[in-house]
Amino acid sequence: FIQMLRSAKKRDVLQLLRRAPEEARPFLVEAAVATQSVASLAALSDFLDFSQEPKSLLEKFLYTAAFSPRPSGELLQLVLDKLDGKQLAPEIWETGIVAVGSLVGKLCQQKLCGLQQVVERGVETILRGLRGAEEEPKVVISLLALGNARLPETIPTLLEHAEDGPTAVTTAATSALQRFPAPHISSKVKQVMRRIFHQKRKSYDKTCRLAAAEILLDNHPLPMDVINILLATTEMETEVATFLLLKVQNSLR
């Protein structure tokens, strides 16, 4: 079916989407996203009305885009156009912003960050959402999107939220930092992770401290970091201490 769509013209794909029974539309939307031809994306652009379509269909479109294994810049452009400047249901905005992060991350993995304009627009959309977020859940969603994008230039923003935010925010930010490869875990990142794990400035949630310890142990750990983490386990809950001991043993192996 996808092969057939690849050779179809925009008007044919659009007609197919509009005439299909309601229960078949999610499948057709998924297929059109998977096709990623100019015609199928243009048809989706005309067909999907983010102010009117059922939420389930919009979410199907956004999830399919987010999980696309090799997305194109045109697909990211389409998602951004649909999110831009509209009054959206909160759950659609959340799914959309996470999808943008995923698409940006995959484009960069394909060495397509050079599609500068659309990638920059994607990152700016996430950061604008983060800056404008007044409620904690929106901050968390934006941090998850940054974790999906995995762009080195966003690390300072993640560090700031990891160290200074409320519990859900610090957990989301440290989880996002865990997704970065070793070359991006700098001495500055490690300094912040030490302060979080050893609770130098304030108390942190167990999940956040564990994530900080994992970042230290998984990225060329210094002997002193290993020693300090082992010493800290004597004052931690049994399950947490056991987990960290296993991490150290795995590193030694």
Protein backbone atom coordinates (compact mmCIF):
# COMPACT_ATOMS: atom_id res chain seq x y z
CA PHE A 1 0.00 0.00 0.00
CA ILE A 2 2.86 2.37 0.86
CA GLN A 3 4.53 1.59 -2.48
CA MET A 4 1.28 2.45 -4.22
CA LEU A 5 1.07 5.77 -2.34
CA ARG A 6 4.63 6.65 -3.32
CA SER A 7 3.55 6.90 -6.96
CA ALA A 8 0.19 8.62 -6.23
CA LYS A 9 -0.49 12.28 -6.90
CA LYS A 10 -1.53 14.68 -4.16
CA ARG A 11 -5.14 14.90 -5.34
CA ASP A 12 -5.46 11.09 -5.31
CA VAL A 13 -4.07 10.76 -1.76
CA LEU A 14 -6.29 13.62 -0.57
CA GLN A 15 -9.34 12.07 -2.17
CA LEU A 16 -8.51 8.74 -0.56
CA LEU A 17 -8.23 10.38 2.88
CA ARG A 18 -11.47 12.34 2.52
CA ARG A 19 -13.59 9.50 1.14
CA ALA A 20 -12.34 6.78 3.47
CA PRO A 21 -14.65 5.51 6.23
CA GLU A 22 -13.83 7.05 9.60
CA GLU A 23 -12.45 3.80 11.02
CA ALA A 24 -9.99 3.48 8.10
CA ARG A 25 -8.57 7.00 8.35
CA PRO A 26 -5.97 6.30 11.10
CA PHE A 27 -4.47 3.56 8.91
CA LEU A 28 -4.40 5.85 5.86
CA VAL A 29 -2.80 8.69 7.84
CA GLU A 30 -0.15 6.28 9.16
CA ALA A 31 0.54 5.02 5.63
CA ALA A 32 0.78 8.55 4.21
CA VAL A 33 3.31 9.53 6.91
CA ALA A 34 5.33 6.36 6.25
CA THR A 35 5.36 7.15 2.53
CA GLN A 36 6.86 10.62 3.10
CA SER A 37 6.50 11.55 -0.56
CA VAL A 38 5.98 15.20 -1.43
CA ALA A 39 2.46 14.38 -2.62
CA SER A 40 1.42 12.41 0.49
CA LEU A 41 2.75 15.08 2.89
CA ALA A 42 1.02 17.84 0.90
CA ALA A 43 -2.22 15.83 1.03
CA LEU A 44 -1.87 15.37 4.80
CA SER A 45 -1.27 19.11 5.17
CA ASP A 46 -4.56 19.86 3.42
CA PHE A 47 -6.47 17.06 5.13
CA LEU A 48 -5.47 17.49 8.78
CA ASP A 49 -7.22 20.38 10.51
CA PHE A 50 -5.81 20.60 14.03
CA SER A 51 -8.76 22.73 15.17
CA GLN A 52 -11.43 20.27 14.03
CA GLU A 53 -10.17 16.72 13.52
CA PRO A 54 -10.80 14.13 16.28
CA LYS A 55 -7.96 14.08 18.80
CA SER A 56 -7.39 10.37 18.17
CA LEU A 57 -6.61 11.00 14.49
CA LEU A 58 -4.26 13.90 15.26
CA GLU A 59 -2.47 11.84 17.89
CA LYS A 60 -2.12 8.99 15.39
CA PHE A 61 -0.47 11.41 12.95
CA LEU A 62 1.90 12.82 15.61
CA TYR A 63 2.84 9.42 17.07
CA THR A 64 3.51 8.02 13.60
CA ALA A 65 5.71 11.01 12.79
CA ALA A 66 7.59 10.69 16.11
CA PHE A 67 8.30 6.97 15.57
CA SER A 68 9.27 7.33 11.92
CA PRO A 69 12.68 5.59 11.67
CA ARG A 70 14.12 7.88 8.96
CA PRO A 71 12.09 11.09 8.88
CA SER A 72 12.56 13.83 6.31
CA GLY A 73 12.90 17.55 6.86
CA GLU A 74 9.55 17.94 5.08
CA LEU A 75 7.86 15.77 7.72
CA LEU A 76 9.26 17.96 10.52
CA GLN A 77 8.15 21.03 8.57
CA LEU A 78 4.61 19.63 8.35
CA VAL A 79 4.42 18.91 12.09
CA LEU A 80 5.73 22.41 12.93
CA ASP A 81 3.26 24.06 10.55
CA LYS A 82 0.38 22.21 12.20
CA LEU A 83 1.49 23.21 15.71
CA ASP A 84 2.36 26.81 14.90
CA GLY A 85 0.21 29.63 16.27
CA LYS A 86 -2.90 27.55 16.94
CA GLN A 87 -5.05 27.05 20.01
CA LEU A 88 -4.52 23.34 20.53
CA ALA A 89 -5.88 20.88 23.07
CA PRO A 90 -3.19 20.43 25.77
CA GLU A 91 -2.65 16.74 25.00
CA ILE A 92 -2.19 17.48 21.28
CA TRP A 93 0.38 20.20 22.05
CA GLU A 94 2.24 17.83 24.40
CA THR A 95 2.33 14.98 21.88
CA GLY A 96 3.34 17.43 19.15
CA ILE A 97 6.24 18.95 21.08
CA VAL A 98 7.62 15.50 21.99
CA ALA A 99 7.27 14.49 18.32
CA VAL A 100 9.24 17.59 17.26
CA GLY A 101 12.06 16.60 19.64
CA SER A 102 12.09 13.06 18.25
CA LEU A 103 12.17 14.27 14.64
CA VAL A 104 14.98 16.76 15.31
CA GLY A 105 17.03 14.06 17.07
CA LYS A 106 16.59 11.55 14.23
CA LEU A 107 17.37 14.10 11.52
CA CYS A 108 20.61 14.95 13.32
CA GLN A 109 21.45 11.25 13.71
CA GLN A 110 21.11 11.00 9.92
CA LYS A 111 23.60 13.90 9.63
CA LEU A 112 20.75 16.10 8.36
CA CYS A 113 21.10 18.84 10.96
CA GLY A 114 22.29 20.81 7.94
CA LEU A 115 18.62 21.31 7.07
CA GLN A 116 19.36 24.34 9.24
CA GLN A 117 16.16 26.33 8.98
CA VAL A 118 13.68 23.58 9.80
CA VAL A 119 15.87 22.02 12.53
CA GLU A 120 16.49 25.42 14.15
CA ARG A 121 12.78 26.14 13.98
CA GLY A 122 12.08 22.82 15.69
CA VAL A 123 14.52 23.53 18.53
CA GLU A 124 13.22 27.08 18.95
CA THR A 125 9.64 25.76 19.13
CA ILE A 126 10.62 23.45 22.02
CA LEU A 127 12.62 26.17 23.83
CA ARG A 128 9.82 28.70 23.38
CA GLY A 129 7.41 26.20 24.92
CA LEU A 130 9.83 25.70 27.82
CA ARG A 131 10.27 29.44 28.41
CA GLY A 132 6.54 30.07 28.27
CA ALA A 133 5.54 27.11 30.46
CA GLU A 134 3.88 28.27 33.66
CA GLU A 135 2.76 24.84 34.84
CA GLU A 136 5.12 22.06 35.88
CA PRO A 137 3.72 19.40 33.50
CA LYS A 138 4.43 21.66 30.49
CA VAL A 139 8.02 22.17 31.66
CA VAL A 140 8.43 18.40 31.99
CA ILE A 141 7.07 17.77 28.48
CA SER A 142 9.46 20.35 26.98
CA LEU A 143 12.40 18.73 28.79
CA LEU A 144 11.37 15.32 27.45
CA ALA A 145 11.34 16.83 23.96
CA LEU A 146 14.88 18.21 24.49
CA GLY A 147 15.94 14.73 25.62
CA ASN A 148 14.55 13.33 22.36
CA ALA A 149 16.42 15.96 20.34
CA ARG A 150 19.77 15.34 22.10
CA LEU A 151 21.38 18.55 20.84
CA PRO A 152 24.58 19.54 22.71
CA GLU A 153 23.62 23.24 22.73
CA THR A 154 20.61 22.45 24.96
CA ILE A 155 22.74 20.83 27.71
CA PRO A 156 23.14 24.09 29.75
CA THR A 157 19.32 24.46 29.81
CA LEU A 158 18.92 20.86 30.97
CA LEU A 159 21.57 21.30 33.67
CA GLU A 160 19.84 24.39 35.02
CA HIS A 161 16.52 22.57 35.35
CA ALA A 162 18.19 19.42 36.70
CA GLU A 163 19.80 21.25 39.59
CA ASP A 164 17.28 23.94 40.46
CA GLY A 165 13.82 22.67 39.48
CA PRO A 166 11.09 20.97 41.53
CA THR A 167 11.08 17.17 41.77
CA ALA A 168 9.32 16.27 38.51
CA VAL A 169 11.40 18.82 36.59
CA THR A 170 14.77 17.67 38.00
CA THR A 171 13.88 14.05 37.24
CA ALA A 172 12.89 14.87 33.64
CA ALA A 173 16.03 16.94 33.06
CA THR A 174 18.44 14.32 34.45
CA SER A 175 16.65 11.61 32.43
CA ALA A 176 17.11 13.77 29.31
CA LEU A 177 20.83 14.15 30.07
CA GLN A 178 21.17 10.36 30.34
CA ARG A 179 20.34 10.12 26.65
CA PHE A 180 23.43 12.03 25.52
CA PRO A 181 26.47 10.06 24.32
CA ALA A 182 29.70 10.12 26.36
CA PRO A 183 31.47 12.85 24.31
CA HIS A 184 28.85 15.36 25.48
CA ILE A 185 29.08 14.47 29.19
CA SER A 186 31.62 17.16 30.02
CA SER A 187 33.34 17.94 33.32
CA LYS A 188 30.68 20.63 33.92
CA VAL A 189 27.89 18.07 33.48
CA LYS A 190 29.68 15.75 35.91
CA GLN A 191 30.09 18.54 38.48
CA VAL A 192 26.35 19.15 38.47
CA MET A 193 25.63 15.40 38.69
CA ARG A 194 27.94 15.15 41.73
CA ARG A 195 26.12 18.00 43.47
CA ILE A 196 22.77 16.33 42.74
CA PHE A 197 23.82 12.84 43.85
CA HIS A 198 25.53 14.05 47.04
CA GLN A 199 22.75 16.62 47.63
CA LYS A 200 25.16 19.53 48.07
CA ARG A 201 22.57 22.27 47.56
CA LYS A 202 19.25 20.64 48.45
CA SER A 203 17.50 17.30 48.79
CA TYR A 204 16.71 15.46 45.57
CA ASP A 205 14.30 12.69 44.71
CA LYS A 206 15.70 9.13 44.69
CA THR A 207 15.06 8.76 40.94
CA CYS A 208 16.96 11.96 40.20
CA ARG A 209 19.94 10.94 42.36
CA LEU A 210 20.07 7.52 40.69
CA ALA A 211 20.07 9.13 37.23
CA ALA A 212 22.91 11.44 38.32
CA ALA A 213 24.91 8.45 39.63
CA GLU A 214 24.33 6.53 36.39
CA ILE A 215 25.60 9.47 34.33
CA LEU A 216 28.77 9.54 36.46
CA LEU A 217 29.28 5.76 36.29
CA ASP A 218 28.44 5.31 32.59
CA ASN A 219 30.70 8.01 31.18
CA HIS A 220 34.39 7.31 31.92
CA PRO A 221 34.02 7.53 35.72
CA LEU A 222 36.81 8.97 37.85
CA PRO A 223 38.02 6.64 40.64
CA MET A 224 36.98 9.22 43.23
CA ASP A 225 33.43 9.29 41.85
CA VAL A 226 33.19 5.51 42.17
CA ILE A 227 34.55 5.62 45.74
CA ASN A 228 32.19 8.42 46.79
CA ILE A 229 29.16 6.68 45.28
CA LEU A 230 30.10 3.44 47.08
CA LEU A 231 30.51 5.31 50.38
CA ALA A 232 27.12 6.97 49.88
CA THR A 233 25.37 3.59 49.44
CA THR A 234 25.90 2.84 53.16
CA GLU A 235 23.29 5.50 53.95
CA MET A 236 20.81 4.60 51.20
CA GLU A 237 17.83 2.24 50.99
CA THR A 238 18.75 -1.39 50.34
CA GLU A 239 17.22 -1.51 46.83
CA VAL A 240 18.97 1.69 45.72
CA ALA A 241 22.30 0.64 47.24
CA THR A 242 22.07 -2.78 45.56
CA PHE A 243 21.32 -1.18 42.20
CA LEU A 244 24.36 1.11 42.45
CA LEU A 245 26.63 -1.72 43.59
CA LEU A 246 25.57 -3.75 40.55
CA LYS A 247 26.30 -0.75 38.31
CA VAL A 248 29.83 -0.50 39.75
CA GLN A 249 30.38 -4.25 39.37
CA ASN A 250 29.25 -4.08 35.73
CA SER A 251 31.65 -1.22 35.11
CA LEU A 252 34.52 -3.23 36.63
CA ARG A 253 33.70 -6.19 34.38
